[in-house]
Amino acid sequence: MSYVDHELSIDEMLADPIVRTLMAYDGITEKDVRKTLAEVATARDFRAVRPPKRHQSALPQAWTHPSAPVIAPKTAA
């Protein structure tokens, strides 16, 4: 098979007979897939242009602040 060594493009994926069969079974059309991809691309572009109002670190404050005390977890005695 010619596409084993690389990722399929959207067009190649949608042309694959197995993908088409699964989509038909699930009631999904090519138009549905392309519309969803366009919506995701638009949302990603919007977020890239407009950053969130307030940045929150994913780490707890104690992990991000160098002078914060380190508290060991309690263990059963």
PDB file of N, CA and C in Angstrom:
ATOM      1  N   MET A   1       0.843  -1.192   0.000  1.00  0.00           N
ATOM      2  CA  MET A   1       0.000   0.000   0.000  1.00  0.00           C
ATOM      3  C   MET A   1       0.878   1.241   0.000  1.00  0.00           C
ATOM      4  N   SER A   2       0.478   2.226  -0.717  1.00  0.00           N
ATOM      5  CA  SER A   2       1.310   3.404  -0.876  1.00  0.00           C
ATOM      6  C   SER A   2       1.242   4.360   0.303  1.00  0.00           C
ATOM      7  N   TYR A   3       0.205   4.292   1.139  1.00  0.00           N
ATOM      8  CA  TYR A   3       0.067   5.263   2.224  1.00  0.00           C
ATOM      9  C   TYR A   3       0.461   4.713   3.582  1.00  0.00           C
ATOM     10  N   VAL A   4       1.152   3.605   3.640  1.00  0.00           N
ATOM     11  CA  VAL A   4       1.526   3.004   4.913  1.00  0.00           C
ATOM     12  C   VAL A   4       2.574   3.842   5.639  1.00  0.00           C
ATOM     13  N   ASP A   5       3.473   4.464   4.904  1.00  0.00           N
ATOM     14  CA  ASP A   5       4.588   5.174   5.519  1.00  0.00           C
ATOM     15  C   ASP A   5       4.343   6.658   5.781  1.00  0.00           C
ATOM     16  N   HIS A   6       3.151   7.147   5.538  1.00  0.00           N
ATOM     17  CA  HIS A   6       2.876   8.559   5.817  1.00  0.00           C
ATOM     18  C   HIS A   6       1.427   8.723   6.281  1.00  0.00           C
ATOM     19  N   GLU A   7       1.182   9.857   6.943  1.00  0.00           N
ATOM     20  CA  GLU A   7      -0.183  10.143   7.380  1.00  0.00           C
ATOM     21  C   GLU A   7      -1.027  10.543   6.181  1.00  0.00           C
ATOM     22  N   LEU A   8      -2.278  10.132   6.224  1.00  0.00           N
ATOM     23  CA  LEU A   8      -3.186  10.471   5.135  1.00  0.00           C
ATOM     24  C   LEU A   8      -3.611  11.931   5.226  1.00  0.00           C
ATOM     25  N   SER A   9      -3.800  12.553   4.077  1.00  0.00           N
ATOM     26  CA  SER A   9      -4.411  13.879   4.058  1.00  0.00           C
ATOM     27  C   SER A   9      -5.913  13.688   4.295  1.00  0.00           C
ATOM     28  N   ILE A  10      -6.608  14.766   4.521  1.00  0.00           N
ATOM     29  CA  ILE A  10      -8.059  14.687   4.714  1.00  0.00           C
ATOM     30  C   ILE A  10      -8.717  14.108   3.455  1.00  0.00           C
ATOM     31  N   ASP A  11      -8.285  14.567   2.290  1.00  0.00           N
ATOM     32  CA  ASP A  11      -8.860  14.060   1.040  1.00  0.00           C
ATOM     33  C   ASP A  11      -8.612  12.569   0.882  1.00  0.00           C
ATOM     34  N   GLU A  12      -7.391  12.119   1.212  1.00  0.00           N
ATOM     35  CA  GLU A  12      -7.085  10.691   1.112  1.00  0.00           C
ATOM     36  C   GLU A  12      -7.903   9.883   2.115  1.00  0.00           C
ATOM     37  N   MET A  13      -8.039  10.405   3.315  1.00  0.00           N
ATOM     38  CA  MET A  13      -8.808   9.703   4.335  1.00  0.00           C
ATOM     39  C   MET A  13     -10.270   9.562   3.908  1.00  0.00           C
ATOM     40  N   LEU A  14     -10.839  10.654   3.417  1.00  0.00           N
ATOM     41  CA  LEU A  14     -12.246  10.624   3.023  1.00  0.00           C
ATOM     42  C   LEU A  14     -12.485   9.784   1.767  1.00  0.00           C
ATOM     43  N   ALA A  15     -11.441   9.516   1.001  1.00  0.00           N
ATOM     44  CA  ALA A  15     -11.580   8.677  -0.191  1.00  0.00           C
ATOM     45  C   ALA A  15     -11.397   7.193   0.131  1.00  0.00           C
ATOM     46  N   ASP A  16     -10.923   6.877   1.318  1.00  0.00           N
ATOM     47  CA  ASP A  16     -10.676   5.488   1.709  1.00  0.00           C
ATOM     48  C   ASP A  16     -12.002   4.742   1.833  1.00  0.00           C
ATOM     49  N   PRO A  17     -12.133   3.585   1.182  1.00  0.00           N
ATOM     50  CA  PRO A  17     -13.393   2.836   1.226  1.00  0.00           C
ATOM     51  C   PRO A  17     -13.807   2.399   2.637  1.00  0.00           C
ATOM     52  N   ILE A  18     -12.845   2.066   3.475  1.00  0.00           N
ATOM     53  CA  ILE A  18     -13.179   1.653   4.845  1.00  0.00           C
ATOM     54  C   ILE A  18     -13.732   2.841   5.630  1.00  0.00           C
ATOM     55  N   VAL A  19     -13.099   3.986   5.480  1.00  0.00           N
ATOM     56  CA  VAL A  19     -13.579   5.192   6.170  1.00  0.00           C
ATOM     57  C   VAL A  19     -14.975   5.541   5.671  1.00  0.00           C
ATOM     58  N   ARG A  20     -15.175   5.472   4.384  1.00  0.00           N
ATOM     59  CA  ARG A  20     -16.497   5.767   3.816  1.00  0.00           C
ATOM     60  C   ARG A  20     -17.566   4.813   4.355  1.00  0.00           C
ATOM     61  N   THR A  21     -17.224   3.546   4.480  1.00  0.00           N
ATOM     62  CA  THR A  21     -18.168   2.561   5.004  1.00  0.00           C
ATOM     63  C   THR A  21     -18.524   2.873   6.453  1.00  0.00           C
ATOM     64  N   LEU A  22     -17.514   3.179   7.270  1.00  0.00           N
ATOM     65  CA  LEU A  22     -17.760   3.524   8.671  1.00  0.00           C
ATOM     66  C   LEU A  22     -18.583   4.807   8.806  1.00  0.00           C
ATOM     67  N   MET A  23     -18.281   5.791   7.972  1.00  0.00           N
ATOM     68  CA  MET A  23     -19.042   7.033   7.998  1.00  0.00           C
ATOM     69  C   MET A  23     -20.502   6.775   7.632  1.00  0.00           C
ATOM     70  N   ALA A  24     -20.732   5.957   6.607  1.00  0.00           N
ATOM     71  CA  ALA A  24     -22.102   5.640   6.192  1.00  0.00           C
ATOM     72  C   ALA A  24     -22.838   4.911   7.314  1.00  0.00           C
ATOM     73  N   TYR A  25     -22.161   4.004   7.968  1.00  0.00           N
ATOM     74  CA  TYR A  25     -22.766   3.260   9.075  1.00  0.00           C
ATOM     75  C   TYR A  25     -23.170   4.214  10.207  1.00  0.00           C
ATOM     76  N   ASP A  26     -22.322   5.227  10.460  1.00  0.00           N
ATOM     77  CA  ASP A  26     -22.590   6.194  11.528  1.00  0.00           C
ATOM     78  C   ASP A  26     -23.488   7.348  11.084  1.00  0.00           C
ATOM     79  N   GLY A  27     -23.825   7.400   9.805  1.00  0.00           N
ATOM     80  CA  GLY A  27     -24.680   8.481   9.306  1.00  0.00           C
ATOM     81  C   GLY A  27     -23.959   9.808   9.171  1.00  0.00           C
ATOM     82  N   ILE A  28     -22.661   9.751   8.918  1.00  0.00           N
ATOM     83  CA  ILE A  28     -21.850  10.962   8.780  1.00  0.00           C
ATOM     84  C   ILE A  28     -21.455  11.116   7.317  1.00  0.00           C
ATOM     85  N   THR A  29     -21.584  12.331   6.815  1.00  0.00           N
ATOM     86  CA  THR A  29     -21.231  12.586   5.423  1.00  0.00           C
ATOM     87  C   THR A  29     -19.891  13.310   5.341  1.00  0.00           C
ATOM     88  N   GLU A  30     -19.337  13.349   4.147  1.00  0.00           N
ATOM     89  CA  GLU A  30     -18.094  14.097   3.924  1.00  0.00           C
ATOM     90  C   GLU A  30     -18.310  15.575   4.260  1.00  0.00           C
ATOM     91  N   LYS A  31     -19.476  16.070   3.931  1.00  0.00           N
ATOM     92  CA  LYS A  31     -19.802  17.465   4.229  1.00  0.00           C
ATOM     93  C   LYS A  31     -19.756  17.720   5.737  1.00  0.00           C
ATOM     94  N   ASP A  32     -20.267  16.780   6.538  1.00  0.00           N
ATOM     95  CA  ASP A  32     -20.229  16.906   7.997  1.00  0.00           C
ATOM     96  C   ASP A  32     -18.784  17.013   8.509  1.00  0.00           C
ATOM     97  N   VAL A  33     -17.926  16.152   7.981  1.00  0.00           N
ATOM     98  CA  VAL A  33     -16.527  16.129   8.415  1.00  0.00           C
ATOM     99  C   VAL A  33     -15.841  17.435   8.053  1.00  0.00           C
ATOM    100  N   ARG A  34     -16.037  17.869   6.823  1.00  0.00           N
ATOM    101  CA  ARG A  34     -15.383  19.114   6.384  1.00  0.00           C
ATOM    102  C   ARG A  34     -15.904  20.329   7.157  1.00  0.00           C
ATOM    103  N   LYS A  35     -17.190  20.341   7.464  1.00  0.00           N
ATOM    104  CA  LYS A  35     -17.759  21.445   8.246  1.00  0.00           C
ATOM    105  C   LYS A  35     -17.159  21.469   9.644  1.00  0.00           C
ATOM    106  N   THR A  36     -17.039  20.305  10.268  1.00  0.00           N
ATOM    107  CA  THR A  36     -16.454  20.231  11.612  1.00  0.00           C
ATOM    108  C   THR A  36     -15.001  20.683  11.589  1.00  0.00           C
ATOM    109  N   LEU A  37     -14.240  20.241  10.604  1.00  0.00           N
ATOM    110  CA  LEU A  37     -12.842  20.663  10.500  1.00  0.00           C
ATOM    111  C   LEU A  37     -12.726  22.176  10.311  1.00  0.00           C
ATOM    112  N   ALA A  38     -13.604  22.757   9.520  1.00  0.00           N
ATOM    113  CA  ALA A  38     -13.591  24.208   9.305  1.00  0.00           C
ATOM    114  C   ALA A  38     -13.918  24.946  10.605  1.00  0.00           C
ATOM    115  N   GLU A  39     -14.875  24.427  11.375  1.00  0.00           N
ATOM    116  CA  GLU A  39     -15.234  25.056  12.650  1.00  0.00           C
ATOM    117  C   GLU A  39     -14.085  24.989  13.646  1.00  0.00           C
ATOM    118  N   VAL A  40     -13.396  23.862  13.691  1.00  0.00           N
ATOM    119  CA  VAL A  40     -12.256  23.716  14.592  1.00  0.00           C
ATOM    120  C   VAL A  40     -11.131  24.667  14.181  1.00  0.00           C
ATOM    121  N   ALA A  41     -10.864  24.744  12.881  1.00  0.00           N
ATOM    122  CA  ALA A  41      -9.812  25.646  12.394  1.00  0.00           C
ATOM    123  C   ALA A  41     -10.141  27.097  12.730  1.00  0.00           C
ATOM    124  N   THR A  42     -11.389  27.486  12.572  1.00  0.00           N
ATOM    125  CA  THR A  42     -11.806  28.856  12.900  1.00  0.00           C
ATOM    126  C   THR A  42     -11.646  29.124  14.391  1.00  0.00           C
ATOM    127  N   ALA A  43     -12.047  28.177  15.224  1.00  0.00           N
ATOM    128  CA  ALA A  43     -11.920  28.353  16.675  1.00  0.00           C
ATOM    129  C   ALA A  43     -10.452  28.456  17.085  1.00  0.00           C
ATOM    130  N   ARG A  44      -9.599  27.649  16.476  1.00  0.00           N
ATOM    131  CA  ARG A  44      -8.170  27.703  16.804  1.00  0.00           C
ATOM    132  C   ARG A  44      -7.572  29.039  16.372  1.00  0.00           C
ATOM    133  N   ASP A  45      -7.943  29.522  15.183  1.00  0.00           N
ATOM    134  CA  ASP A  45      -7.443  30.815  14.706  1.00  0.00           C
ATOM    135  C   ASP A  45      -7.898  31.927  15.637  1.00  0.00           C
ATOM    136  N   PHE A  46      -9.137  31.874  16.106  1.00  0.00           N
ATOM    137  CA  PHE A  46      -9.667  32.907  16.991  1.00  0.00           C
ATOM    138  C   PHE A  46      -8.907  32.931  18.307  1.00  0.00           C
ATOM    139  N   ARG A  47      -8.634  31.746  18.877  1.00  0.00           N
ATOM    140  CA  ARG A  47      -7.901  31.689  20.139  1.00  0.00           C
ATOM    141  C   ARG A  47      -6.473  32.166  19.972  1.00  0.00           C
ATOM    142  N   ALA A  48      -5.858  31.910  18.817  1.00  0.00           N
ATOM    143  CA  ALA A  48      -4.482  32.335  18.587  1.00  0.00           C
ATOM    144  C   ALA A  48      -4.400  33.857  18.512  1.00  0.00           C
ATOM    145  N   VAL A  49      -5.429  34.492  17.970  1.00  0.00           N
ATOM    146  CA  VAL A  49      -5.443  35.944  17.835  1.00  0.00           C
ATOM    147  C   VAL A  49      -5.822  36.610  19.146  1.00  0.00           C
ATOM    148  N   ARG A  50      -6.699  35.985  19.891  1.00  0.00           N
ATOM    149  CA  ARG A  50      -7.221  36.589  21.118  1.00  0.00           C
ATOM    150  C   ARG A  50      -6.897  35.695  22.326  1.00  0.00           C
ATOM    151  N   PRO A  51      -5.783  35.982  23.004  1.00  0.00           N
ATOM    152  CA  PRO A  51      -5.411  35.154  24.151  1.00  0.00           C
ATOM    153  C   PRO A  51      -6.412  35.310  25.290  1.00  0.00           C
ATOM    154  N   PRO A  52      -6.443  34.351  26.200  1.00  0.00           N
ATOM    155  CA  PRO A  52      -7.368  34.449  27.330  1.00  0.00           C
ATOM    156  C   PRO A  52      -7.085  35.696  28.162  1.00  0.00           C
ATOM    157  N   LYS A  53      -8.130  36.213  28.830  1.00  0.00           N
ATOM    158  CA  LYS A  53      -7.989  37.433  29.620  1.00  0.00           C
ATOM    159  C   LYS A  53      -7.040  37.255  30.794  1.00  0.00           C
ATOM    160  N   ARG A  54      -7.076  36.063  31.398  1.00  0.00           N
ATOM    161  CA  ARG A  54      -6.252  35.828  32.572  1.00  0.00           C
ATOM    162  C   ARG A  54      -5.575  34.479  32.423  1.00  0.00           C
ATOM    163  N   HIS A  55      -4.270  34.489  32.514  1.00  0.00           N
ATOM    164  CA  HIS A  55      -3.524  33.246  32.399  1.00  0.00           C
ATOM    165  C   HIS A  55      -3.424  32.585  33.761  1.00  0.00           C
ATOM    166  N   GLN A  56      -3.828  31.335  33.827  1.00  0.00           N
ATOM    167  CA  GLN A  56      -3.703  30.587  35.064  1.00  0.00           C
ATOM    168  C   GLN A  56      -2.737  29.438  34.830  1.00  0.00           C
ATOM    169  N   SER A  57      -1.814  29.287  35.744  1.00  0.00           N
ATOM    170  CA  SER A  57      -0.855  28.208  35.642  1.00  0.00           C
ATOM    171  C   SER A  57      -1.558  26.884  35.903  1.00  0.00           C
ATOM    172  N   ALA A  58      -1.140  25.859  35.176  1.00  0.00           N
ATOM    173  CA  ALA A  58      -1.704  24.531  35.381  1.00  0.00           C
ATOM    174  C   ALA A  58      -1.111  23.876  36.635  1.00  0.00           C
ATOM    175  N   LEU A  59      -0.015  24.434  37.132  1.00  0.00           N
ATOM    176  CA  LEU A  59       0.629  23.873  38.313  1.00  0.00           C
ATOM    177  C   LEU A  59       0.145  24.573  39.581  1.00  0.00           C
ATOM    178  N   PRO A  60       0.069  23.853  40.682  1.00  0.00           N
ATOM    179  CA  PRO A  60      -0.292  24.503  41.940  1.00  0.00           C
ATOM    180  C   PRO A  60       0.720  25.592  42.293  1.00  0.00           C
ATOM    181  N   GLN A  61       0.280  26.582  43.027  1.00  0.00           N
ATOM    182  CA  GLN A  61       1.135  27.712  43.380  1.00  0.00           C
ATOM    183  C   GLN A  61       2.423  27.253  44.061  1.00  0.00           C
ATOM    184  N   ALA A  62       2.357  26.250  44.927  1.00  0.00           N
ATOM    185  CA  ALA A  62       3.544  25.778  45.641  1.00  0.00           C
ATOM    186  C   ALA A  62       4.601  25.241  44.676  1.00  0.00           C
ATOM    187  N   TRP A  63       4.187  24.753  43.513  1.00  0.00           N
ATOM    188  CA  TRP A  63       5.147  24.216  42.562  1.00  0.00           C
ATOM    189  C   TRP A  63       5.787  25.309  41.722  1.00  0.00           C
ATOM    190  N   THR A  64       5.139  26.437  41.616  1.00  0.00           N
ATOM    191  CA  THR A  64       5.638  27.480  40.728  1.00  0.00           C
ATOM    192  C   THR A  64       6.409  28.568  41.457  1.00  0.00           C
ATOM    193  N   HIS A  65       6.276  28.667  42.745  1.00  0.00           N
ATOM    194  CA  HIS A  65       6.933  29.728  43.498  1.00  0.00           C
ATOM    195  C   HIS A  65       8.136  29.150  44.234  1.00  0.00           C
ATOM    196  N   PRO A  66       9.352  29.674  43.955  1.00  0.00           N
ATOM    197  CA  PRO A  66      10.552  29.074  44.534  1.00  0.00           C
ATOM    198  C   PRO A  66      10.644  29.168  46.058  1.00  0.00           C
ATOM    199  N   SER A  67      10.004  30.160  46.683  1.00  0.00           N
ATOM    200  CA  SER A  67      10.127  30.304  48.130  1.00  0.00           C
ATOM    201  C   SER A  67       9.001  29.618  48.895  1.00  0.00           C
ATOM    202  N   ALA A  68       8.105  28.951  48.199  1.00  0.00           N
ATOM    203  CA  ALA A  68       7.002  28.264  48.866  1.00  0.00           C
ATOM    204  C   ALA A  68       7.540  27.036  49.599  1.00  0.00           C
ATOM    205  N   PRO A  69       7.028  26.766  50.798  1.00  0.00           N
ATOM    206  CA  PRO A  69       7.511  25.594  51.547  1.00  0.00           C
ATOM    207  C   PRO A  69       7.091  24.300  50.864  1.00  0.00           C
ATOM    208  N   VAL A  70       7.932  23.320  50.992  1.00  0.00           N
ATOM    209  CA  VAL A  70       7.626  21.998  50.450  1.00  0.00           C
ATOM    210  C   VAL A  70       7.037  21.166  51.562  1.00  0.00           C
ATOM    211  N   ILE A  71       5.829  20.656  51.339  1.00  0.00           N
ATOM    212  CA  ILE A  71       5.140  19.877  52.359  1.00  0.00           C
ATOM    213  C   ILE A  71       5.060  18.444  51.866  1.00  0.00           C
ATOM    214  N   ALA A  72       5.658  17.542  52.641  1.00  0.00           N
ATOM    215  CA  ALA A  72       5.630  16.125  52.275  1.00  0.00           C
ATOM    216  C   ALA A  72       4.275  15.541  52.578  1.00  0.00           C
ATOM    217  N   PRO A  73       3.812  14.596  51.761  1.00  0.00           N
ATOM    218  CA  PRO A  73       2.529  13.968  52.040  1.00  0.00           C
ATOM    219  C   PRO A  73       2.587  13.138  53.320  1.00  0.00           C
ATOM    220  N   LYS A  74       1.455  13.073  54.033  1.00  0.00           N
ATOM    221  CA  LYS A  74       1.400  12.286  55.265  1.00  0.00           C
ATOM    222  C   LYS A  74       1.355  10.809  54.898  1.00  0.00           C
ATOM    223  N   THR A  75       2.050  10.019  55.685  1.00  0.00           N
ATOM    224  CA  THR A  75       2.036   8.577  55.458  1.00  0.00           C
ATOM    225  C   THR A  75       1.414   7.898  56.670  1.00  0.00           C
ATOM    226  N   ALA A  76       0.863   6.739  56.460  1.00  0.00           N
ATOM    227  CA  ALA A  76       0.256   5.995  57.565  1.00  0.00           C
ATOM    228  C   ALA A  76       1.352   5.451  58.474  1.00  0.00           C
ATOM    229  N   ALA A  77       1.136   5.514  59.794  1.00  0.00           N
ATOM    230  CA  ALA A  77       2.156   5.070  60.740  1.00  0.00           C
ATOM    231  C   ALA A  77       1.963   3.619  61.099  1.00  0.00           C
TER     232      ALA A  77
END
